[in-house]
Amino acid sequence: MATDYDAPRKTEDDSESIEALKERVPDKLSGSVDVEDADNPSGFELPGADLSDLELDVVVLPAQEDEFTCVSCFLVKHRSQLDHETSSGPICVECSA
């Protein structure tokens, strides 16, 4: 039996009005502000703020024996991503495509 996907699907559960649904769903555009921002859990300032007094501790590891730096995209990749070597250096699979 063929199904008409364009036909309206009205069931007994669909009897609720749009106004009732709007009352159930909280207004995301309301003026209330959350005290703790879920997208910014560590408390860093947002872009445009002065972060000159902030120190970041980052450990930078040199390229390992099984890694190479692509001369096209300058990303450090695993040797399994090596496509070929040129006179200027190694090229990854993505850049050679």
Protein backbone atom coordinates (compact mmCIF):
# COMPACT_ATOMS: atom_id res chain seq x y z
CA MET A 1 0.00 0.00 0.00
CA ALA A 2 1.38 3.40 -1.00
CA THR A 3 1.73 6.10 1.62
CA ASP A 4 0.89 9.70 0.83
CA TYR A 5 3.56 11.67 2.70
CA ASP A 6 2.05 15.00 1.66
CA ALA A 7 -1.29 14.26 3.33
CA PRO A 8 -1.87 16.05 6.64
CA ARG A 9 -1.28 13.83 9.65
CA LYS A 10 -4.01 14.58 12.14
CA THR A 11 -4.29 12.32 15.15
CA GLU A 12 -6.06 12.59 18.45
CA ASP A 13 -2.82 13.79 20.10
CA ASP A 14 -2.65 16.79 17.75
CA SER A 15 -5.75 18.39 19.25
CA GLU A 16 -3.67 20.84 21.33
CA SER A 17 -3.67 24.39 20.03
CA ILE A 18 -0.57 26.37 19.11
CA GLU A 19 -1.25 28.79 21.95
CA ALA A 20 -1.20 25.93 24.46
CA LEU A 21 2.10 24.69 23.04
CA LYS A 22 3.61 28.18 23.25
CA GLU A 23 2.67 28.39 26.92
CA ARG A 24 4.35 25.04 27.65
CA VAL A 25 7.64 25.90 25.91
CA PRO A 26 9.78 28.52 27.71
CA ASP A 27 10.54 31.66 25.76
CA LYS A 28 14.19 31.51 24.72
CA LEU A 29 14.20 35.14 23.71
CA SER A 30 13.10 36.41 27.08
CA GLY A 31 15.11 39.02 28.94
CA SER A 32 16.17 36.67 31.73
CA VAL A 33 19.89 35.96 32.00
CA ASP A 34 21.36 32.79 33.46
CA VAL A 35 23.82 33.33 36.27
CA GLU A 36 26.09 30.55 35.00
CA ASP A 37 26.63 30.43 31.28
CA ALA A 38 26.67 26.81 30.07
CA ASP A 39 28.69 27.76 26.97
CA ASN A 40 31.29 29.50 29.12
CA PRO A 41 31.78 27.23 32.17
CA SER A 42 35.30 28.35 33.03
CA GLY A 43 34.37 32.03 33.29
CA PHE A 44 36.57 33.42 30.48
CA GLU A 45 35.59 36.74 29.08
CA LEU A 46 33.87 36.80 25.73
CA PRO A 47 35.63 38.05 22.55
CA GLY A 48 36.39 41.75 22.57
CA ALA A 49 37.28 41.81 26.26
CA ASP A 50 40.76 42.66 27.56
CA LEU A 51 42.53 39.36 28.26
CA SER A 52 46.04 40.76 28.45
CA ASP A 53 46.45 39.84 32.13
CA LEU A 54 45.40 36.21 31.56
CA GLU A 55 48.12 33.55 31.47
CA LEU A 56 47.49 30.28 29.68
CA ASP A 57 49.53 27.19 30.43
CA VAL A 58 49.77 25.06 27.31
CA VAL A 59 52.10 22.12 26.80
CA VAL A 60 53.35 22.03 23.22
CA LEU A 61 54.79 18.72 22.09
CA PRO A 62 57.16 18.50 19.13
CA ALA A 63 56.20 16.30 16.20
CA GLN A 64 56.61 12.63 17.14
CA GLU A 65 58.51 10.04 15.11
CA ASP A 66 55.29 8.76 13.52
CA GLU A 67 54.09 12.26 12.54
CA PHE A 68 54.90 14.72 9.76
CA THR A 69 54.03 18.32 8.91
CA CYS A 70 52.27 18.76 5.58
CA VAL A 71 53.93 21.47 3.47
CA SER A 72 50.58 22.43 1.96
CA CYS A 73 48.25 22.81 4.98
CA PHE A 74 50.98 22.98 7.67
CA LEU A 75 49.13 20.54 9.93
CA VAL A 76 50.93 17.85 11.90
CA LYS A 77 49.50 14.52 10.79
CA HIS A 78 50.11 10.84 11.45
CA ARG A 79 52.28 8.94 8.95
CA SER A 80 49.20 7.00 7.84
CA GLN A 81 47.96 10.29 6.29
CA LEU A 82 51.10 10.71 4.15
CA ASP A 83 50.31 10.64 0.43
CA HIS A 84 53.70 11.39 -1.11
CA GLU A 85 56.94 13.30 -0.64
CA THR A 86 57.85 16.21 -2.90
CA SER A 87 61.07 18.13 -3.23
CA SER A 88 59.64 20.70 -0.81
CA GLY A 89 58.41 18.11 1.73
CA PRO A 90 55.60 15.70 2.59
CA ILE A 91 52.02 16.14 1.36
CA CYS A 92 49.03 14.70 3.23
CA VAL A 93 46.22 12.70 1.62
CA GLU A 94 43.70 15.55 1.95
CA CYS A 95 45.90 18.12 0.23
CA SER A 96 46.81 15.80 -2.64
CA ALA A 97 43.15 15.12 -3.45
